[in-house]
Amino acid sequence: MKRYAKLAELELDVGGDPAVSDWIEITQKRIDLFADATGDHQWIHVDPERAKAGPFGTTIAHGFMTLSLLPEMAASAIRVDDVRMGVNYGLNKVRFPAPVPSGSRVRGHFKLLKFEHLEGGAQLTYEVRMEREGSDKPVCVAESVGRRFT
């Protein structure tokens, strides 16, 4: 985890080494809960028997489920002590180059691309590369924009 006492310290880290999150296990239960929350019950995600004969040999996480792990990953990768509030501002780009099979583990690499001053805080743009344990190809590449306030 990268830890900063003050939000302003992040400005010095633009373009630096990525912060790396803890591993997150992608269980079938987690996939099913996401399907229930979003109404996306496509068999490739929620039917293990049918998915055995599918292109991946098992169920896979929804792409948007993978993306939804950004806050959990960021919380274990980066901490700024004087930030009292953070909000998601959006995404500039998102791609899902590889699937996330049920039972695998993923983690995120957060590289700060841009630090922009705001009144009472900053807007931060990160390149996030999510990896699946044991795979060379990323499962998600996103440019995430958030605002942090002190």
N, C-alpha and C. Protein backbone atom coordinates (compact mmCIF):
# COMPACT_ATOMS: atom_id res chain seq x y z
N MET A 1 0.84 -1.18 0.00
CA MET A 1 0.00 0.00 0.00
C MET A 1 0.89 1.24 0.00
N LYS A 2 0.48 2.22 -0.82
CA LYS A 2 1.13 3.52 -0.78
C LYS A 2 0.33 4.39 0.17
N ARG A 3 1.04 5.03 1.09
CA ARG A 3 0.37 5.86 2.08
C ARG A 3 0.96 7.26 2.04
N TYR A 4 0.07 8.25 2.11
CA TYR A 4 0.45 9.65 2.06
C TYR A 4 -0.16 10.37 3.25
N ALA A 5 0.57 11.26 3.87
CA ALA A 5 0.04 12.05 4.98
C ALA A 5 -0.91 13.13 4.45
N LYS A 6 -0.55 13.72 3.32
CA LYS A 6 -1.33 14.84 2.76
C LYS A 6 -1.65 14.57 1.29
N LEU A 7 -2.83 15.00 0.88
CA LEU A 7 -3.26 14.85 -0.51
C LEU A 7 -2.26 15.50 -1.47
N ALA A 8 -1.72 16.64 -1.10
CA ALA A 8 -0.77 17.36 -1.96
C ALA A 8 0.45 16.51 -2.31
N GLU A 9 0.81 15.55 -1.46
CA GLU A 9 1.97 14.68 -1.73
C GLU A 9 1.77 13.83 -2.99
N LEU A 10 0.53 13.56 -3.35
CA LEU A 10 0.29 12.74 -4.54
C LEU A 10 0.78 13.41 -5.81
N GLU A 11 0.76 14.73 -5.83
CA GLU A 11 1.20 15.45 -7.03
C GLU A 11 2.63 15.08 -7.40
N LEU A 12 3.45 14.79 -6.41
CA LEU A 12 4.83 14.38 -6.65
C LEU A 12 4.94 12.96 -7.21
N ASP A 13 3.84 12.21 -7.14
CA ASP A 13 3.84 10.81 -7.57
C ASP A 13 3.27 10.61 -8.98
N VAL A 14 2.91 11.69 -9.67
CA VAL A 14 2.39 11.56 -11.03
C VAL A 14 3.44 10.85 -11.90
N GLY A 15 3.03 9.79 -12.56
CA GLY A 15 3.93 9.03 -13.42
C GLY A 15 4.83 8.06 -12.68
N GLY A 16 4.69 7.97 -11.37
CA GLY A 16 5.54 7.09 -10.57
C GLY A 16 5.11 5.64 -10.63
N ASP A 17 5.76 4.84 -9.79
CA ASP A 17 5.43 3.41 -9.73
C ASP A 17 4.00 3.23 -9.26
N PRO A 18 3.31 2.23 -9.83
CA PRO A 18 1.92 1.99 -9.43
C PRO A 18 1.80 1.49 -8.00
N ALA A 19 0.69 1.84 -7.38
CA ALA A 19 0.29 1.24 -6.11
C ALA A 19 -0.43 -0.06 -6.45
N VAL A 20 -0.24 -1.09 -5.64
CA VAL A 20 -0.81 -2.40 -5.94
C VAL A 20 -1.77 -2.80 -4.82
N SER A 21 -2.95 -3.26 -5.22
CA SER A 21 -3.97 -3.66 -4.24
C SER A 21 -3.72 -5.07 -3.73
N ASP A 22 -4.50 -5.44 -2.73
CA ASP A 22 -4.54 -6.82 -2.27
C ASP A 22 -5.27 -7.67 -3.32
N TRP A 23 -5.09 -8.97 -3.25
CA TRP A 23 -5.81 -9.90 -4.12
C TRP A 23 -7.26 -10.01 -3.67
N ILE A 24 -8.16 -10.15 -4.61
CA ILE A 24 -9.58 -10.36 -4.34
C ILE A 24 -10.00 -11.66 -5.02
N GLU A 25 -10.61 -12.57 -4.27
CA GLU A 25 -11.08 -13.83 -4.85
C GLU A 25 -12.45 -13.62 -5.48
N ILE A 26 -12.59 -14.12 -6.69
CA ILE A 26 -13.85 -14.01 -7.42
C ILE A 26 -14.59 -15.34 -7.28
N THR A 27 -15.50 -15.38 -6.34
CA THR A 27 -16.27 -16.60 -6.08
C THR A 27 -17.54 -16.62 -6.92
N GLN A 28 -18.10 -17.80 -7.07
CA GLN A 28 -19.38 -17.90 -7.78
C GLN A 28 -20.47 -17.15 -7.02
N LYS A 29 -20.42 -17.19 -5.70
CA LYS A 29 -21.41 -16.46 -4.91
C LYS A 29 -21.35 -14.97 -5.21
N ARG A 30 -20.14 -14.44 -5.31
CA ARG A 30 -19.99 -13.01 -5.61
C ARG A 30 -20.54 -12.69 -7.00
N ILE A 31 -20.27 -13.56 -7.96
CA ILE A 31 -20.80 -13.38 -9.32
C ILE A 31 -22.33 -13.41 -9.30
N ASP A 32 -22.90 -14.39 -8.57
CA ASP A 32 -24.36 -14.51 -8.48
C ASP A 32 -24.99 -13.28 -7.84
N LEU A 33 -24.37 -12.76 -6.78
CA LEU A 33 -24.88 -11.56 -6.13
C LEU A 33 -24.86 -10.37 -7.08
N PHE A 34 -23.80 -10.25 -7.87
CA PHE A 34 -23.73 -9.16 -8.85
C PHE A 34 -24.84 -9.33 -9.90
N ALA A 35 -25.04 -10.57 -10.35
CA ALA A 35 -26.11 -10.82 -11.31
C ALA A 35 -27.47 -10.41 -10.74
N ASP A 36 -27.71 -10.74 -9.47
CA ASP A 36 -28.97 -10.36 -8.83
C ASP A 36 -29.10 -8.85 -8.72
N ALA A 37 -28.00 -8.17 -8.39
CA ALA A 37 -28.04 -6.72 -8.22
C ALA A 37 -28.28 -5.99 -9.54
N THR A 38 -27.81 -6.57 -10.65
CA THR A 38 -27.89 -5.87 -11.94
C THR A 38 -28.94 -6.44 -12.88
N GLY A 39 -29.47 -7.62 -12.57
CA GLY A 39 -30.43 -8.25 -13.47
C GLY A 39 -29.79 -8.93 -14.66
N ASP A 40 -28.47 -9.08 -14.66
CA ASP A 40 -27.75 -9.72 -15.76
C ASP A 40 -27.47 -11.18 -15.38
N HIS A 41 -28.38 -12.07 -15.78
CA HIS A 41 -28.29 -13.49 -15.42
C HIS A 41 -27.88 -14.36 -16.61
N GLN A 42 -27.07 -13.82 -17.51
CA GLN A 42 -26.62 -14.60 -18.66
C GLN A 42 -25.92 -15.87 -18.16
N TRP A 43 -26.16 -16.97 -18.84
CA TRP A 43 -25.67 -18.28 -18.39
C TRP A 43 -24.16 -18.33 -18.22
N ILE A 44 -23.42 -17.60 -19.02
CA ILE A 44 -21.95 -17.65 -18.93
C ILE A 44 -21.46 -17.18 -17.55
N HIS A 45 -22.34 -16.45 -16.84
CA HIS A 45 -22.00 -15.97 -15.51
C HIS A 45 -22.58 -16.82 -14.38
N VAL A 46 -23.80 -17.33 -14.57
CA VAL A 46 -24.53 -17.90 -13.43
C VAL A 46 -24.90 -19.38 -13.54
N ASP A 47 -24.58 -20.02 -14.64
CA ASP A 47 -24.94 -21.44 -14.80
C ASP A 47 -23.68 -22.29 -14.96
N PRO A 48 -23.11 -22.76 -13.83
CA PRO A 48 -21.86 -23.51 -13.89
C PRO A 48 -21.92 -24.76 -14.78
N GLU A 49 -23.03 -25.45 -14.78
CA GLU A 49 -23.14 -26.67 -15.60
C GLU A 49 -23.09 -26.33 -17.09
N ARG A 50 -23.88 -25.38 -17.51
CA ARG A 50 -23.88 -24.98 -18.92
C ARG A 50 -22.54 -24.36 -19.32
N ALA A 51 -21.95 -23.58 -18.40
CA ALA A 51 -20.68 -22.90 -18.69
C ALA A 51 -19.53 -23.88 -18.89
N LYS A 52 -19.63 -25.08 -18.30
CA LYS A 52 -18.58 -26.09 -18.50
C LYS A 52 -18.37 -26.38 -19.99
N ALA A 53 -19.44 -26.33 -20.77
CA ALA A 53 -19.36 -26.59 -22.21
C ALA A 53 -19.14 -25.31 -23.01
N GLY A 54 -19.04 -24.18 -22.33
CA GLY A 54 -18.86 -22.89 -23.00
C GLY A 54 -17.41 -22.63 -23.35
N PRO A 55 -17.12 -21.45 -23.85
CA PRO A 55 -15.78 -21.13 -24.35
C PRO A 55 -14.69 -21.06 -23.27
N PHE A 56 -15.06 -20.93 -22.00
CA PHE A 56 -14.06 -20.78 -20.93
C PHE A 56 -14.02 -21.97 -19.99
N GLY A 57 -14.93 -22.92 -20.16
CA GLY A 57 -14.95 -24.13 -19.34
C GLY A 57 -15.48 -23.92 -17.94
N THR A 58 -15.90 -22.72 -17.63
CA THR A 58 -16.46 -22.37 -16.33
C THR A 58 -17.19 -21.05 -16.46
N THR A 59 -17.85 -20.64 -15.40
CA THR A 59 -18.47 -19.32 -15.42
C THR A 59 -17.39 -18.24 -15.32
N ILE A 60 -17.75 -17.06 -15.78
CA ILE A 60 -16.83 -15.91 -15.70
C ILE A 60 -17.57 -14.73 -15.07
N ALA A 61 -16.80 -13.85 -14.46
CA ALA A 61 -17.37 -12.63 -13.88
C ALA A 61 -17.83 -11.70 -14.99
N HIS A 62 -18.85 -10.95 -14.72
CA HIS A 62 -19.30 -9.88 -15.62
C HIS A 62 -18.16 -8.86 -15.76
N GLY A 63 -18.01 -8.28 -16.92
CA GLY A 63 -17.02 -7.22 -17.08
C GLY A 63 -17.29 -6.08 -16.11
N PHE A 64 -18.56 -5.69 -15.99
CA PHE A 64 -18.89 -4.59 -15.09
C PHE A 64 -18.70 -4.97 -13.63
N MET A 65 -18.77 -6.26 -13.31
CA MET A 65 -18.45 -6.68 -11.95
C MET A 65 -16.96 -6.45 -11.69
N THR A 66 -16.14 -6.83 -12.64
CA THR A 66 -14.70 -6.62 -12.52
C THR A 66 -14.42 -5.13 -12.31
N LEU A 67 -15.05 -4.30 -13.11
CA LEU A 67 -14.87 -2.85 -12.99
C LEU A 67 -15.35 -2.34 -11.63
N SER A 68 -16.41 -2.93 -11.11
CA SER A 68 -16.96 -2.47 -9.83
C SER A 68 -16.04 -2.75 -8.66
N LEU A 69 -14.99 -3.53 -8.87
CA LEU A 69 -14.03 -3.81 -7.81
C LEU A 69 -13.03 -2.67 -7.60
N LEU A 70 -13.06 -1.66 -8.47
CA LEU A 70 -12.12 -0.54 -8.36
C LEU A 70 -12.07 0.08 -6.96
N PRO A 71 -13.20 0.41 -6.33
CA PRO A 71 -13.12 1.02 -5.00
C PRO A 71 -12.48 0.10 -3.96
N GLU A 72 -12.83 -1.17 -3.99
CA GLU A 72 -12.24 -2.12 -3.03
C GLU A 72 -10.74 -2.23 -3.25
N MET A 73 -10.34 -2.30 -4.50
CA MET A 73 -8.91 -2.38 -4.81
C MET A 73 -8.18 -1.11 -4.39
N ALA A 74 -8.75 0.02 -4.73
CA ALA A 74 -8.10 1.30 -4.39
C ALA A 74 -7.92 1.45 -2.89
N ALA A 75 -8.90 0.99 -2.12
CA ALA A 75 -8.83 1.12 -0.66
C ALA A 75 -7.67 0.34 -0.07
N SER A 76 -7.27 -0.76 -0.73
CA SER A 76 -6.14 -1.53 -0.21
C SER A 76 -4.81 -1.14 -0.87
N ALA A 77 -4.86 -0.23 -1.85
CA ALA A 77 -3.65 0.17 -2.57
C ALA A 77 -3.14 1.55 -2.19
N ILE A 78 -4.07 2.46 -1.86
CA ILE A 78 -3.70 3.86 -1.65
C ILE A 78 -4.45 4.41 -0.44
N ARG A 79 -3.72 5.09 0.42
CA ARG A 79 -4.36 5.75 1.57
C ARG A 79 -3.77 7.16 1.69
N VAL A 80 -4.67 8.13 1.85
CA VAL A 80 -4.26 9.51 2.07
C VAL A 80 -4.90 9.96 3.38
N ASP A 81 -4.07 10.22 4.36
CA ASP A 81 -4.55 10.46 5.72
C ASP A 81 -5.45 11.68 5.88
N ASP A 82 -5.20 12.75 5.13
CA ASP A 82 -5.99 13.97 5.34
C ASP A 82 -7.21 14.09 4.43
N VAL A 83 -7.53 13.05 3.69
CA VAL A 83 -8.73 13.08 2.85
C VAL A 83 -9.95 12.73 3.69
N ARG A 84 -10.94 13.62 3.69
CA ARG A 84 -12.15 13.37 4.47
C ARG A 84 -13.27 12.78 3.62
N MET A 85 -13.16 12.93 2.29
CA MET A 85 -14.21 12.44 1.41
C MET A 85 -13.66 12.23 0.00
N GLY A 86 -14.13 11.18 -0.65
CA GLY A 86 -13.79 10.95 -2.04
C GLY A 86 -15.03 10.59 -2.83
N VAL A 87 -15.07 11.01 -4.09
CA VAL A 87 -16.19 10.66 -4.96
C VAL A 87 -15.64 10.19 -6.31
N ASN A 88 -16.35 9.26 -6.90
CA ASN A 88 -16.02 8.85 -8.27
C ASN A 88 -16.51 9.94 -9.21
N TYR A 89 -15.66 10.31 -10.16
CA TYR A 89 -16.04 11.34 -11.12
C TYR A 89 -16.33 10.73 -12.48
N GLY A 90 -15.76 9.55 -12.74
CA GLY A 90 -16.05 8.88 -14.00
C GLY A 90 -14.88 8.08 -14.53
N LEU A 91 -15.05 7.68 -15.76
CA LEU A 91 -14.04 6.87 -16.45
C LEU A 91 -13.82 7.47 -17.83
N ASN A 92 -12.56 7.52 -18.25
CA ASN A 92 -12.27 7.99 -19.60
C ASN A 92 -12.22 6.84 -20.59
N LYS A 93 -11.73 5.69 -20.15
CA LYS A 93 -11.60 4.52 -21.01
C LYS A 93 -11.76 3.27 -20.16
N VAL A 94 -12.36 2.24 -20.75
CA VAL A 94 -12.44 0.94 -20.08
C VAL A 94 -12.38 -0.15 -21.14
N ARG A 95 -11.56 -1.16 -20.88
CA ARG A 95 -11.49 -2.33 -21.76
C ARG A 95 -11.38 -3.57 -20.89
N PHE A 96 -11.90 -4.70 -21.39
CA PHE A 96 -11.83 -5.98 -20.71
C PHE A 96 -11.11 -6.98 -21.61
N PRO A 97 -9.77 -6.95 -21.65
CA PRO A 97 -9.02 -7.77 -22.61
C PRO A 97 -9.07 -9.28 -22.36
N ALA A 98 -9.40 -9.70 -21.13
CA ALA A 98 -9.41 -11.14 -20.83
C ALA A 98 -10.50 -11.42 -19.80
N PRO A 99 -11.03 -12.65 -19.81
CA PRO A 99 -12.09 -13.00 -18.85
C PRO A 99 -11.54 -13.25 -17.44
N VAL A 100 -12.46 -13.24 -16.48
CA VAL A 100 -12.14 -13.54 -15.08
C VAL A 100 -12.96 -14.78 -14.69
N PRO A 101 -12.36 -15.98 -14.76
CA PRO A 101 -13.09 -17.19 -14.40
C PRO A 101 -13.41 -17.23 -12.90
N SER A 102 -14.55 -17.81 -12.60
CA SER A 102 -14.92 -18.03 -11.21
C SER A 102 -13.81 -18.81 -10.51
N GLY A 103 -13.49 -18.41 -9.29
CA GLY A 103 -12.44 -19.07 -8.53
C GLY A 103 -11.08 -18.43 -8.68
N SER A 104 -10.94 -17.46 -9.57
CA SER A 104 -9.63 -16.82 -9.74
C SER A 104 -9.49 -15.64 -8.80
N ARG A 105 -8.28 -15.10 -8.75
CA ARG A 105 -8.01 -13.92 -7.92
C ARG A 105 -7.51 -12.79 -8.82
N VAL A 106 -7.93 -11.58 -8.47
CA VAL A 106 -7.53 -10.40 -9.23
C VAL A 106 -7.00 -9.33 -8.28
N ARG A 107 -6.17 -8.45 -8.84
CA ARG A 107 -5.71 -7.28 -8.09
C ARG A 107 -5.47 -6.15 -9.08
N GLY A 108 -5.37 -4.93 -8.55
CA GLY A 108 -5.22 -3.75 -9.39
C GLY A 108 -3.90 -3.05 -9.17
N HIS A 109 -3.39 -2.48 -10.26
CA HIS A 109 -2.19 -1.65 -10.24
C HIS A 109 -2.65 -0.23 -10.62
N PHE A 110 -2.42 0.73 -9.74
CA PHE A 110 -2.92 2.10 -9.89
C PHE A 110 -1.76 3.05 -10.14
N LYS A 111 -1.68 3.57 -11.36
CA LYS A 111 -0.62 4.53 -11.72
C LYS A 111 -1.25 5.90 -11.88
N LEU A 112 -0.79 6.84 -11.08
CA LEU A 112 -1.33 8.20 -11.14
C LEU A 112 -0.86 8.90 -12.41
N LEU A 113 -1.81 9.28 -13.24
CA LEU A 113 -1.50 9.95 -14.51
C LEU A 113 -1.59 11.47 -14.41
N LYS A 114 -2.53 11.93 -13.58
CA LYS A 114 -2.79 13.37 -13.56
C LYS A 114 -3.30 13.79 -12.18
N PHE A 115 -2.82 14.92 -11.71
CA PHE A 115 -3.25 15.54 -10.46
C PHE A 115 -3.69 16.95 -10.80
N GLU A 116 -4.95 17.26 -10.57
CA GLU A 116 -5.48 18.60 -10.86
C GLU A 116 -6.04 19.20 -9.58
N HIS A 117 -5.61 20.41 -9.27
CA HIS A 117 -6.07 21.09 -8.05
C HIS A 117 -7.53 21.50 -8.21
N LEU A 118 -8.29 21.28 -7.14
CA LEU A 118 -9.67 21.76 -7.03
C LEU A 118 -9.78 22.54 -5.73
N GLU A 119 -10.79 23.37 -5.62
CA GLU A 119 -11.00 24.07 -4.35
C GLU A 119 -11.30 23.03 -3.27
N GLY A 120 -10.42 22.97 -2.29
CA GLY A 120 -10.60 22.03 -1.18
C GLY A 120 -10.17 20.61 -1.48
N GLY A 121 -9.50 20.39 -2.62
CA GLY A 121 -9.08 19.02 -2.92
C GLY A 121 -8.36 18.90 -4.25
N ALA A 122 -8.56 17.74 -4.88
CA ALA A 122 -7.88 17.47 -6.14
C ALA A 122 -8.67 16.45 -6.95
N GLN A 123 -8.52 16.54 -8.26
CA GLN A 123 -9.04 15.52 -9.17
C GLN A 123 -7.86 14.66 -9.58
N LEU A 124 -8.02 13.34 -9.42
CA LEU A 124 -6.96 12.38 -9.69
C LEU A 124 -7.37 11.46 -10.82
N THR A 125 -6.49 11.31 -11.80
CA THR A 125 -6.73 10.38 -12.89
C THR A 125 -5.72 9.26 -12.80
N TYR A 126 -6.20 8.03 -12.69
CA TYR A 126 -5.36 6.85 -12.57
C TYR A 126 -5.55 5.93 -13.76
N GLU A 127 -4.44 5.36 -14.23
CA GLU A 127 -4.54 4.20 -15.10
C GLU A 127 -4.60 3.00 -14.18
N VAL A 128 -5.62 2.18 -14.33
CA VAL A 128 -5.78 0.99 -13.51
C VAL A 128 -5.66 -0.22 -14.41
N ARG A 129 -4.73 -1.09 -14.08
CA ARG A 129 -4.56 -2.35 -14.81
C ARG A 129 -4.84 -3.48 -13.83
N MET A 130 -5.93 -4.20 -14.08
CA MET A 130 -6.27 -5.32 -13.23
C MET A 130 -5.68 -6.60 -13.82
N GLU A 131 -5.04 -7.36 -12.96
CA GLU A 131 -4.46 -8.62 -13.40
C GLU A 131 -5.17 -9.79 -12.74
N ARG A 132 -5.16 -10.92 -13.44
CA ARG A 132 -5.64 -12.17 -12.87
C ARG A 132 -4.42 -13.00 -12.51
N GLU A 133 -4.41 -13.55 -11.33
CA GLU A 133 -3.29 -14.36 -10.88
C GLU A 133 -3.03 -15.48 -11.87
N GLY A 134 -1.77 -15.60 -12.30
CA GLY A 134 -1.36 -16.66 -13.22
C GLY A 134 -1.55 -16.33 -14.69
N SER A 135 -1.96 -15.12 -15.02
CA SER A 135 -2.18 -14.74 -16.41
C SER A 135 -1.33 -13.51 -16.75
N ASP A 136 -0.82 -13.48 -17.96
CA ASP A 136 -0.03 -12.33 -18.40
C ASP A 136 -0.88 -11.21 -18.97
N LYS A 137 -2.11 -11.53 -19.37
CA LYS A 137 -2.99 -10.55 -20.01
C LYS A 137 -3.88 -9.88 -18.96
N PRO A 138 -3.99 -8.55 -18.98
CA PRO A 138 -4.86 -7.90 -18.01
C PRO A 138 -6.33 -8.26 -18.25
N VAL A 139 -7.11 -8.23 -17.17
CA VAL A 139 -8.54 -8.52 -17.29
C VAL A 139 -9.35 -7.24 -17.43
N CYS A 140 -8.76 -6.12 -17.03
CA CYS A 140 -9.41 -4.82 -17.19
C CYS A 140 -8.33 -3.76 -17.23
N VAL A 141 -8.50 -2.82 -18.14
CA VAL A 141 -7.63 -1.64 -18.19
C VAL A 141 -8.59 -0.45 -18.24
N ALA A 142 -8.44 0.44 -17.27
CA ALA A 142 -9.37 1.57 -17.18
C ALA A 142 -8.61 2.84 -16.80
N GLU A 143 -9.15 3.95 -17.22
CA GLU A 143 -8.66 5.24 -16.78
C GLU A 143 -9.75 5.81 -15.88
N SER A 144 -9.46 5.84 -14.60
CA SER A 144 -10.44 6.20 -13.58
C SER A 144 -10.17 7.61 -13.06
N VAL A 145 -11.24 8.39 -12.92
CA VAL A 145 -11.13 9.76 -12.45
C VAL A 145 -11.92 9.90 -11.16
N GLY A 146 -11.26 10.40 -10.14
CA GLY A 146 -11.91 10.60 -8.85
C GLY A 146 -11.56 11.94 -8.27
N ARG A 147 -12.38 12.37 -7.34
CA ARG A 147 -12.11 13.63 -6.65
C ARG A 147 -11.96 13.34 -5.16
N ARG A 148 -10.95 13.96 -4.55
CA ARG A 148 -10.69 13.78 -3.13
C ARG A 148 -10.68 15.15 -2.48
N PHE A 149 -11.27 15.22 -1.30
CA PHE A 149 -11.39 16.49 -0.59
C PHE A 149 -10.83 16.38 0.82
N THR A 150 -10.13 17.44 1.23
CA THR A 150 -9.51 17.47 2.57
C THR A 150 -10.32 18.32 3.53
